[in-house]
Amino acid sequence: MAQLEAACLAWGVWADGIRQLTEQRLGISDLLDERVLDDPGYGRALDIGGPVGTAVTAAVAALRAAGGGGGCGGVCPCMAVTAQIGSPHP
């Protein structure tokens, strides 16, 4: 479970790094600035979180069914980030 949580955290850190690079490149500092959300690179970084979160959530459920630990609490932080700020891609 710790490795699954680490994978969720690693994705979040990586995606946030992409956001920061995008902000620097565009010369802005507002997380909700549409130019950052419309950036294709940042959009792809967010989009990767969906499958990562789904895989982690499924793995957590499988481990729980097999008697394993709780891990991400059934909800990966990847999914929480995507739910909070959304993906710029439909």
Protein backbone atom coordinates (compact mmCIF):
# COMPACT_ATOMS: atom_id res chain seq x y z
CA MET A 1 0.00 0.00 0.00
CA ALA A 2 2.86 2.37 0.75
CA GLN A 3 4.15 1.91 -2.78
CA LEU A 4 0.72 2.75 -4.21
CA GLU A 5 0.55 5.87 -2.08
CA ALA A 6 4.06 6.79 -3.23
CA ALA A 7 2.98 6.36 -6.86
CA CYS A 8 0.05 8.74 -6.30
CA LEU A 9 2.31 11.26 -4.63
CA ALA A 10 4.95 10.97 -7.37
CA TRP A 11 2.35 11.70 -10.06
CA GLY A 12 1.10 14.73 -8.12
CA VAL A 13 4.61 16.12 -7.66
CA TRP A 14 5.43 15.52 -11.33
CA ALA A 15 2.19 17.14 -12.56
CA ASP A 16 2.75 20.11 -10.26
CA GLY A 17 6.24 20.48 -11.70
CA ILE A 18 4.73 20.60 -15.19
CA ARG A 19 2.31 23.29 -13.97
CA GLN A 20 5.16 25.33 -12.52
CA LEU A 21 7.18 25.07 -15.73
CA THR A 22 4.12 26.14 -17.72
CA GLU A 23 3.58 29.14 -15.44
CA GLN A 24 7.23 30.14 -15.79
CA ARG A 25 7.10 29.77 -19.57
CA LEU A 26 3.92 31.86 -19.77
CA GLY A 27 5.08 34.37 -17.14
CA ILE A 28 2.07 33.89 -14.84
CA SER A 29 1.58 32.66 -11.28
CA ASP A 30 -2.15 32.02 -10.91
CA LEU A 31 -3.02 28.30 -10.73
CA LEU A 32 -6.47 28.95 -12.14
CA ASP A 33 -5.26 31.09 -15.03
CA GLU A 34 -6.94 29.74 -18.16
CA ARG A 35 -3.68 29.92 -20.11
CA VAL A 36 -2.15 27.31 -17.78
CA LEU A 37 -5.24 25.12 -17.91
CA ASP A 38 -5.32 25.38 -21.71
CA ASP A 39 -1.65 24.40 -22.10
CA PRO A 40 -1.43 21.04 -23.93
CA GLY A 41 1.55 19.82 -21.88
CA TYR A 42 -0.14 20.52 -18.56
CA GLY A 43 -3.37 19.03 -19.90
CA ARG A 44 -1.57 15.80 -20.74
CA ALA A 45 0.04 15.73 -17.30
CA LEU A 46 -3.40 16.02 -15.68
CA ASP A 47 -4.91 13.46 -18.04
CA ILE A 48 -2.33 10.87 -16.97
CA GLY A 49 -3.66 11.15 -13.42
CA GLY A 50 -7.02 9.65 -14.41
CA PRO A 51 -5.67 6.23 -15.43
CA VAL A 52 -3.12 6.30 -12.59
CA GLY A 53 -5.84 7.02 -10.05
CA THR A 54 -8.15 4.38 -11.51
CA ALA A 55 -5.39 1.78 -11.40
CA VAL A 56 -4.46 2.65 -7.82
CA THR A 57 -8.09 2.62 -6.68
CA ALA A 58 -8.57 -0.81 -8.30
CA ALA A 59 -5.37 -2.10 -6.70
CA VAL A 60 -6.48 -0.82 -3.29
CA ALA A 61 -9.83 -2.58 -3.69
CA ALA A 62 -8.11 -5.81 -4.73
CA LEU A 63 -5.71 -5.63 -1.79
CA ARG A 64 -8.57 -4.98 0.62
CA ALA A 65 -10.51 -7.92 -0.82
CA ALA A 66 -7.41 -10.07 -0.34
CA GLY A 67 -7.06 -8.84 3.26
CA GLY A 68 -4.44 -6.15 2.58
CA GLY A 69 -4.13 -2.69 4.09
CA GLY A 70 -6.08 0.48 3.47
CA GLY A 71 -3.61 2.60 1.49
CA CYS A 72 -4.98 5.68 -0.21
CA GLY A 73 -8.24 5.27 1.66
CA GLY A 74 -9.75 3.95 -1.54
CA VAL A 75 -9.32 7.30 -3.27
CA CYS A 76 -5.99 8.13 -4.84
CA PRO A 77 -4.80 11.73 -4.47
CA CYS A 78 -4.43 11.72 -8.27
CA MET A 79 -8.18 11.52 -8.62
CA ALA A 80 -8.71 14.20 -5.97
CA VAL A 81 -6.44 16.64 -7.82
CA THR A 82 -8.13 15.97 -11.16
CA ALA A 83 -11.56 16.33 -9.54
CA GLN A 84 -10.56 19.62 -7.92
CA ILE A 85 -9.05 21.39 -10.90
CA GLY A 86 -10.36 19.22 -13.69
CA SER A 87 -8.72 18.27 -16.92
CA PRO A 88 -8.69 20.77 -19.75
CA HIS A 89 -9.42 17.88 -22.08
CA PRO A 90 -12.93 16.47 -22.51
